[in-house]
Structure formats: C-alpha cells, structure tokens
N, C-alpha and C. Protein backbone atom coordinates (compact mmCIF):
# COMPACT_ATOMS: atom_id res chain seq x y z
N UNK A 1 -112.53 35.14 17.71
CA UNK A 1 -111.10 35.03 17.56
C UNK A 1 -110.73 34.57 16.15
N UNK A 2 -111.42 33.55 15.66
CA UNK A 2 -111.07 33.06 14.31
C UNK A 2 -111.47 34.08 13.26
N UNK A 3 -112.56 34.84 13.51
CA UNK A 3 -112.97 35.86 12.53
C UNK A 3 -111.93 36.97 12.45
N UNK A 4 -111.34 37.33 13.58
CA UNK A 4 -110.28 38.35 13.59
C UNK A 4 -109.05 37.87 12.83
N UNK A 5 -108.72 36.59 12.99
CA UNK A 5 -107.57 36.02 12.27
C UNK A 5 -107.83 36.05 10.76
N UNK A 6 -109.03 35.66 10.36
CA UNK A 6 -109.35 35.65 8.93
C UNK A 6 -109.38 37.06 8.34
N UNK A 7 -109.83 38.03 9.13
CA UNK A 7 -109.85 39.40 8.64
C UNK A 7 -108.45 39.99 8.55
N UNK A 8 -107.57 39.61 9.47
CA UNK A 8 -106.21 40.16 9.45
C UNK A 8 -105.30 39.42 8.48
N UNK A 9 -105.56 38.16 8.22
CA UNK A 9 -104.76 37.34 7.30
C UNK A 9 -105.68 36.73 6.24
N UNK A 10 -106.03 37.47 5.19
CA UNK A 10 -107.00 36.95 4.22
C UNK A 10 -106.48 35.76 3.41
N UNK A 11 -105.17 35.57 3.36
CA UNK A 11 -104.64 34.41 2.64
C UNK A 11 -105.05 33.11 3.33
N UNK A 12 -105.15 33.16 4.66
CA UNK A 12 -105.61 31.98 5.40
C UNK A 12 -107.06 31.67 5.00
N UNK A 13 -107.87 32.70 4.86
CA UNK A 13 -109.27 32.50 4.45
C UNK A 13 -109.34 31.90 3.04
N UNK A 14 -108.45 32.35 2.17
CA UNK A 14 -108.43 31.84 0.80
C UNK A 14 -108.13 30.34 0.78
N UNK A 15 -107.05 29.94 1.43
CA UNK A 15 -106.67 28.53 1.40
C UNK A 15 -107.60 27.67 2.26
N UNK A 16 -108.17 28.25 3.32
CA UNK A 16 -109.15 27.50 4.11
C UNK A 16 -110.40 27.23 3.30
N UNK A 17 -110.82 28.21 2.50
CA UNK A 17 -112.01 27.99 1.67
C UNK A 17 -111.76 26.92 0.62
N UNK A 18 -110.56 26.88 0.07
CA UNK A 18 -110.24 25.82 -0.90
C UNK A 18 -110.23 24.45 -0.24
N UNK A 19 -109.54 24.36 0.90
CA UNK A 19 -109.43 23.06 1.58
C UNK A 19 -110.77 22.57 2.09
N UNK A 20 -111.49 23.43 2.79
CA UNK A 20 -112.80 23.02 3.32
C UNK A 20 -113.80 22.78 2.19
N UNK A 21 -113.70 23.56 1.13
CA UNK A 21 -114.62 23.37 0.01
C UNK A 21 -114.44 22.03 -0.69
N UNK A 22 -113.19 21.64 -0.90
CA UNK A 22 -112.96 20.33 -1.50
C UNK A 22 -113.37 19.20 -0.56
N UNK A 23 -113.20 19.43 0.74
CA UNK A 23 -113.61 18.42 1.72
C UNK A 23 -115.13 18.27 1.72
N UNK A 24 -115.84 19.39 1.76
CA UNK A 24 -117.31 19.35 1.75
C UNK A 24 -117.83 18.83 0.41
N UNK A 25 -117.17 19.20 -0.67
CA UNK A 25 -117.61 18.76 -1.99
C UNK A 25 -117.42 17.28 -2.25
N UNK A 26 -116.60 16.63 -1.44
CA UNK A 26 -116.37 15.20 -1.65
C UNK A 26 -117.48 14.32 -1.08
N UNK A 27 -118.34 14.88 -0.23
CA UNK A 27 -119.43 14.10 0.34
C UNK A 27 -120.54 13.91 -0.68
N UNK A 28 -121.17 12.76 -0.58
CA UNK A 28 -122.25 12.41 -1.51
C UNK A 28 -123.53 12.23 -0.71
N UNK A 29 -124.57 12.95 -1.09
CA UNK A 29 -125.88 12.82 -0.47
C UNK A 29 -126.83 12.18 -1.47
N UNK A 30 -126.98 10.86 -1.37
CA UNK A 30 -127.78 10.14 -2.34
C UNK A 30 -127.09 10.21 -3.70
N UNK A 31 -127.81 10.59 -4.75
CA UNK A 31 -127.17 10.69 -6.07
C UNK A 31 -126.47 12.03 -6.31
N UNK A 32 -126.53 12.94 -5.33
CA UNK A 32 -126.00 14.29 -5.53
C UNK A 32 -124.65 14.44 -4.84
N UNK A 33 -123.69 14.95 -5.59
CA UNK A 33 -122.38 15.30 -5.04
C UNK A 33 -122.03 16.69 -5.54
N UNK A 34 -121.73 17.60 -4.61
CA UNK A 34 -121.47 18.98 -4.99
C UNK A 34 -120.20 19.14 -5.81
N UNK A 35 -119.15 18.47 -5.42
CA UNK A 35 -117.87 18.62 -6.10
C UNK A 35 -117.05 19.73 -5.46
N UNK A 36 -115.79 19.77 -5.82
CA UNK A 36 -114.86 20.71 -5.21
C UNK A 36 -115.14 22.16 -5.54
N UNK A 37 -115.58 22.42 -6.75
CA UNK A 37 -115.82 23.81 -7.16
C UNK A 37 -117.00 24.40 -6.41
N UNK A 38 -118.11 23.69 -6.38
CA UNK A 38 -119.30 24.18 -5.71
C UNK A 38 -119.09 24.25 -4.20
N UNK A 39 -118.40 23.26 -3.64
CA UNK A 39 -118.10 23.28 -2.21
C UNK A 39 -117.22 24.46 -1.85
N UNK A 40 -116.21 24.75 -2.68
CA UNK A 40 -115.33 25.89 -2.42
C UNK A 40 -116.08 27.20 -2.53
N UNK A 41 -117.00 27.29 -3.45
CA UNK A 41 -117.80 28.51 -3.61
C UNK A 41 -118.67 28.74 -2.37
N UNK A 42 -119.30 27.70 -1.87
CA UNK A 42 -120.16 27.84 -0.69
C UNK A 42 -119.34 28.26 0.52
N UNK A 43 -118.20 27.60 0.74
CA UNK A 43 -117.35 27.94 1.89
C UNK A 43 -116.79 29.34 1.74
N UNK A 44 -116.41 29.74 0.53
CA UNK A 44 -115.88 31.09 0.31
C UNK A 44 -116.95 32.14 0.60
N UNK A 45 -118.20 31.87 0.25
CA UNK A 45 -119.28 32.81 0.56
C UNK A 45 -119.46 32.96 2.07
N UNK A 46 -119.38 31.85 2.79
CA UNK A 46 -119.52 31.90 4.25
C UNK A 46 -118.33 32.62 4.87
N UNK A 47 -117.12 32.28 4.43
CA UNK A 47 -115.94 32.93 5.00
C UNK A 47 -115.84 34.40 4.59
N UNK A 48 -116.40 34.76 3.46
CA UNK A 48 -116.40 36.15 3.04
C UNK A 48 -117.20 37.04 3.96
N UNK A 49 -118.15 36.45 4.68
CA UNK A 49 -118.93 37.21 5.65
C UNK A 49 -118.12 37.55 6.90
N UNK A 50 -116.92 36.97 7.02
CA UNK A 50 -116.08 37.23 8.19
C UNK A 50 -115.36 38.57 8.09
N UNK A 51 -115.38 39.18 6.93
CA UNK A 51 -114.69 40.44 6.75
C UNK A 51 -113.33 40.29 6.10
N UNK A 52 -112.99 39.11 5.66
CA UNK A 52 -111.71 38.88 4.99
C UNK A 52 -111.77 39.50 3.60
N UNK A 53 -110.86 40.38 3.30
CA UNK A 53 -110.79 41.04 2.00
C UNK A 53 -109.42 40.82 1.40
N UNK A 54 -109.39 40.37 0.16
CA UNK A 54 -108.13 40.12 -0.54
C UNK A 54 -107.62 41.40 -1.19
N UNK A 55 -106.32 41.48 -1.33
CA UNK A 55 -105.73 42.65 -1.99
C UNK A 55 -106.06 42.60 -3.48
N UNK A 56 -106.08 43.75 -4.15
CA UNK A 56 -106.38 43.77 -5.59
C UNK A 56 -105.38 42.97 -6.42
N UNK A 57 -104.11 42.95 -6.00
CA UNK A 57 -103.12 42.16 -6.75
C UNK A 57 -103.43 40.67 -6.67
N UNK A 58 -103.81 40.20 -5.49
CA UNK A 58 -104.14 38.79 -5.34
C UNK A 58 -105.42 38.45 -6.10
N UNK A 59 -106.37 39.37 -6.14
CA UNK A 59 -107.59 39.15 -6.92
C UNK A 59 -107.27 39.03 -8.40
N UNK A 60 -106.36 39.88 -8.90
CA UNK A 60 -105.99 39.82 -10.31
C UNK A 60 -105.29 38.52 -10.65
N UNK A 61 -104.41 38.06 -9.77
CA UNK A 61 -103.71 36.80 -9.99
C UNK A 61 -104.70 35.63 -9.98
N UNK A 62 -105.62 35.64 -9.02
CA UNK A 62 -106.61 34.57 -8.94
C UNK A 62 -107.50 34.57 -10.18
N UNK A 63 -107.88 35.74 -10.66
CA UNK A 63 -108.71 35.82 -11.86
C UNK A 63 -107.95 35.31 -13.08
N UNK A 64 -106.67 35.66 -13.18
CA UNK A 64 -105.86 35.19 -14.31
C UNK A 64 -105.72 33.66 -14.27
N UNK A 65 -105.54 33.10 -13.07
CA UNK A 65 -105.46 31.64 -12.95
C UNK A 65 -106.79 30.98 -13.32
N UNK A 66 -107.89 31.62 -12.96
CA UNK A 66 -109.20 31.10 -13.32
C UNK A 66 -109.39 31.07 -14.83
N UNK A 67 -109.02 32.16 -15.51
CA UNK A 67 -109.14 32.22 -16.96
C UNK A 67 -108.21 31.19 -17.62
N UNK A 68 -107.00 31.03 -17.08
CA UNK A 68 -106.09 30.02 -17.60
C UNK A 68 -106.68 28.63 -17.46
N UNK A 69 -107.28 28.34 -16.29
CA UNK A 69 -107.85 27.02 -16.06
C UNK A 69 -109.01 26.75 -17.03
N UNK A 70 -109.83 27.76 -17.28
CA UNK A 70 -110.92 27.58 -18.25
C UNK A 70 -110.37 27.28 -19.65
N UNK A 71 -109.37 28.04 -20.06
CA UNK A 71 -108.78 27.80 -21.37
C UNK A 71 -108.08 26.46 -21.46
N UNK A 72 -107.45 26.06 -20.38
CA UNK A 72 -106.73 24.79 -20.37
C UNK A 72 -107.69 23.61 -20.48
N UNK A 73 -108.82 23.69 -19.78
CA UNK A 73 -109.77 22.58 -19.83
C UNK A 73 -110.63 22.60 -21.08
N UNK A 74 -110.99 23.78 -21.56
CA UNK A 74 -111.88 23.86 -22.72
C UNK A 74 -111.17 24.01 -24.04
N UNK A 75 -109.88 24.32 -24.03
CA UNK A 75 -109.14 24.57 -25.26
C UNK A 75 -109.02 23.36 -26.16
N UNK A 76 -108.73 22.22 -25.56
CA UNK A 76 -108.57 21.00 -26.37
C UNK A 76 -109.88 20.64 -27.06
N UNK A 77 -110.98 20.75 -26.34
CA UNK A 77 -112.29 20.44 -26.92
C UNK A 77 -112.62 21.44 -28.02
N UNK A 78 -112.31 22.71 -27.82
CA UNK A 78 -112.59 23.74 -28.81
C UNK A 78 -111.87 23.43 -30.12
N UNK A 79 -110.57 23.11 -30.05
CA UNK A 79 -109.82 22.85 -31.26
C UNK A 79 -110.18 21.50 -31.87
N UNK A 80 -110.63 20.55 -31.05
CA UNK A 80 -111.07 19.27 -31.58
C UNK A 80 -112.33 19.45 -32.42
N UNK A 81 -113.26 20.27 -31.94
CA UNK A 81 -114.49 20.55 -32.68
C UNK A 81 -114.16 21.32 -33.95
N UNK A 82 -113.25 22.29 -33.87
CA UNK A 82 -112.86 23.07 -35.05
C UNK A 82 -112.21 22.18 -36.11
N UNK A 83 -111.36 21.25 -35.70
CA UNK A 83 -110.70 20.36 -36.66
C UNK A 83 -111.73 19.46 -37.34
N UNK A 84 -112.72 18.99 -36.59
CA UNK A 84 -113.77 18.15 -37.18
C UNK A 84 -114.61 18.96 -38.16
N UNK A 85 -114.88 20.22 -37.84
CA UNK A 85 -115.67 21.06 -38.73
C UNK A 85 -114.92 21.33 -40.03
N UNK A 86 -113.62 21.58 -39.94
CA UNK A 86 -112.81 21.82 -41.14
C UNK A 86 -112.76 20.57 -42.00
N UNK A 87 -112.60 19.43 -41.35
CA UNK A 87 -112.57 18.17 -42.10
C UNK A 87 -113.91 17.92 -42.78
N UNK A 88 -114.99 18.20 -42.08
CA UNK A 88 -116.33 17.99 -42.64
C UNK A 88 -116.56 18.93 -43.83
N UNK A 89 -116.15 20.18 -43.69
CA UNK A 89 -116.30 21.12 -44.80
C UNK A 89 -115.48 20.69 -46.01
N UNK A 90 -114.29 20.20 -45.75
CA UNK A 90 -113.44 19.74 -46.86
C UNK A 90 -114.05 18.57 -47.58
N UNK A 91 -114.59 17.62 -46.83
CA UNK A 91 -115.22 16.46 -47.47
C UNK A 91 -116.48 16.85 -48.22
N UNK A 92 -117.27 17.74 -47.63
CA UNK A 92 -118.51 18.17 -48.30
C UNK A 92 -118.20 18.95 -49.57
N UNK A 93 -117.23 19.85 -49.51
CA UNK A 93 -116.93 20.63 -50.71
C UNK A 93 -116.33 19.75 -51.81
N UNK A 94 -115.57 18.76 -51.44
CA UNK A 94 -115.04 17.83 -52.44
C UNK A 94 -116.18 17.04 -53.08
N UNK A 95 -117.13 16.60 -52.26
CA UNK A 95 -118.26 15.85 -52.79
C UNK A 95 -119.15 16.69 -53.67
N UNK A 96 -119.40 17.92 -53.29
CA UNK A 96 -120.22 18.82 -54.12
C UNK A 96 -119.49 19.16 -55.43
N UNK A 97 -118.19 19.33 -55.32
CA UNK A 97 -117.42 19.64 -56.53
C UNK A 97 -117.48 18.53 -57.55
N UNK A 98 -117.45 17.30 -57.08
CA UNK A 98 -117.52 16.16 -58.02
C UNK A 98 -118.93 15.94 -58.53
N UNK A 99 -119.92 16.25 -57.70
CA UNK A 99 -121.31 16.02 -58.11
C UNK A 99 -121.78 17.02 -59.16
N UNK A 100 -121.27 18.24 -59.08
CA UNK A 100 -121.76 19.29 -59.98
C UNK A 100 -120.73 19.69 -61.01
N UNK A 101 -119.94 18.79 -61.52
CA UNK A 101 -118.98 19.11 -62.57
C UNK A 101 -119.61 19.26 -63.89
C-alpha cells in the first residue's frame, strides 16, 4: 500500500527521503555520524526502489538547487582564497621589485 502511494505521488517520496534521511543521519554510532546528506542519500536509494519517479521539471529544479547550494557554501571560501593569493602576489612582486632595482 505504501509503495503504491509513493509511486503515484513521488513528491511524498521526495520529502519523506529528506525527513527520514535527516532523522537517520542524526544518530551517532560511536565516533561515526552519517549526517543529513548521507542519511538522505541512503533513504532516497531505498525509496527509489519503490518505483517513485520524479518528473523531469522537478529533477531540473532539484539539480539547480543543488548547484546553488554548492556555490553558496563554497563560494565564500573560493573568493577568500583568491583574495589571499592576489594579496600574496602583490606583496611578493613589490618585494622582488625593490630587491632587484
């Protein structure tokens, strides 16, 4: 019965995988904790075996949100490293310019 519901309403499978994945990912087994991302991936793989298929439009939106999330989390670090590299190059070139006059 639940497999038929998930196959007919794939949005329920999507949000169930997120909710159950974060719940499972919050448990700690000794020093190991899966986390929400890994837990959601495992639950989504299991629920995907139920026959739930998302529409191509929803897949595109989810992929765009995933790319946005990657850029949002990694963007600040990327520009921080770039700013440090530019500053380092500027200091090095100034020092070399004075040393070899």
